[in-house]
Amino acid sequence: MFGLGPGEMLMALVAILLLFGAKRIPEIAGSFGKGIREFKKNMSDVQKEIEAPESRPVDRLPSQSDRVERSEDDRPEPKKLI
C-alpha cells in the first residue's frame, strides 16, 4: 500500500496517536466515515438526476417582456466606504 512497509505504517500510527490522543482518534474516524457516506449519497443522487433528467423541472430564463425596467429612483443607494 503506497510502498509503505509494516514498520513505516506502525510509525505513522504511533505519530497519529501522539498528535491526536487516544480519545480523539475514534471521533476523527467516525467523522471521516460520515463524510464518506455523505459523499456516496450525494454521488448517487447526482447519478439519478443524470439518468432521469425529464423528472426535474427546467428553469425558464426571463424573456424581454418579463424583465422590469428600474428607474433611477428605484435603485438602492450605493454603500459608502468611508
Protein backbone atom coordinates (compact mmCIF):
# COMPACT_ATOMS: atom_id res chain seq x y z
CA MET A 1 0.00 0.00 0.00
CA PHE A 2 1.71 3.18 -1.27
CA GLY A 3 5.09 1.48 -0.92
CA LEU A 4 4.92 1.55 2.89
CA GLY A 5 6.14 -1.41 4.86
CA PRO A 6 4.86 -2.55 8.23
CA GLY A 7 7.49 -0.50 10.08
CA GLU A 8 6.56 2.75 8.34
CA MET A 9 2.85 2.13 8.89
CA LEU A 10 3.44 1.42 12.58
CA MET A 11 5.47 4.63 12.96
CA ALA A 12 2.72 6.60 11.20
CA LEU A 13 0.07 5.15 13.54
CA VAL A 14 2.19 5.99 16.60
CA ALA A 15 2.69 9.55 15.33
CA ILE A 16 -1.07 9.93 14.79
CA LEU A 17 -1.72 8.57 18.27
CA LEU A 18 0.73 11.06 19.79
CA LEU A 19 -0.68 14.00 17.80
CA PHE A 20 -4.39 13.43 18.42
CA GLY A 21 -4.59 11.26 21.52
CA ALA A 22 -6.43 8.01 22.11
CA LYS A 23 -9.81 9.64 22.81
CA ARG A 24 -9.81 11.80 19.70
CA ILE A 25 -8.96 9.08 17.13
CA PRO A 26 -12.41 7.34 17.23
CA GLU A 27 -14.11 10.73 16.80
CA ILE A 28 -11.94 11.51 13.78
CA ALA A 29 -12.58 8.08 12.27
CA GLY A 30 -16.34 8.46 12.81
CA SER A 31 -16.36 11.89 11.18
CA PHE A 32 -14.35 10.52 8.28
CA GLY A 33 -16.84 7.65 7.85
CA LYS A 34 -19.81 10.04 7.94
CA GLY A 35 -18.14 12.21 5.31
CA ILE A 36 -17.57 9.24 3.02
CA ARG A 37 -21.21 8.11 3.46
CA GLU A 38 -22.49 11.62 2.67
CA PHE A 39 -20.24 11.82 -0.39
CA LYS A 40 -21.50 8.46 -1.70
CA LYS A 41 -25.13 9.52 -1.08
CA ASN A 42 -24.65 12.76 -2.98
CA MET A 43 -22.91 10.94 -5.82
CA SER A 44 -25.83 8.52 -6.15
CA ASP A 45 -28.28 11.45 -6.11
CA VAL A 46 -26.35 13.15 -8.92
CA GLN A 47 -26.23 9.89 -10.87
CA LYS A 48 -30.03 9.55 -10.52
CA GLU A 49 -30.51 13.11 -11.79
CA ILE A 50 -28.26 12.44 -14.78
CA GLU A 51 -30.13 9.24 -15.66
CA ALA A 52 -33.61 10.81 -15.38
CA PRO A 53 -33.35 14.48 -16.43
CA GLU A 54 -37.04 14.62 -17.50
CA SER A 55 -38.28 14.29 -13.94
CA ARG A 56 -36.79 17.56 -12.72
CA PRO A 57 -38.25 20.96 -13.68
CA VAL A 58 -36.37 23.13 -16.13
CA ASP A 59 -35.78 26.72 -15.10
CA ARG A 60 -37.09 29.22 -17.58
CA LEU A 61 -34.98 32.23 -18.44
CA PRO A 62 -36.86 35.53 -18.29
CA SER A 63 -37.87 36.89 -21.66
CA GLN A 64 -37.70 40.54 -22.67
CA SER A 65 -41.34 41.05 -21.68
CA ASP A 66 -40.74 39.59 -18.19
CA ARG A 67 -37.92 41.99 -17.37
CA VAL A 68 -38.81 45.02 -15.30
CA GLU A 69 -37.02 48.23 -16.06
CA ARG A 70 -35.80 50.07 -12.98
CA SER A 71 -35.80 53.80 -12.88
CA GLU A 72 -33.14 55.89 -11.17
CA ASP A 73 -35.41 56.30 -8.12
CA ASP A 74 -35.87 52.52 -7.62
CA ARG A 75 -32.19 51.74 -7.36
CA PRO A 76 -30.74 51.45 -3.85
CA GLU A 77 -28.18 53.99 -2.78
CA PRO A 78 -24.62 52.64 -3.00
CA LYS A 79 -22.84 51.97 0.29
CA LYS A 80 -20.23 54.47 1.35
CA LEU A 81 -16.89 53.01 2.35
CA ILE A 82 -15.75 55.93 4.50
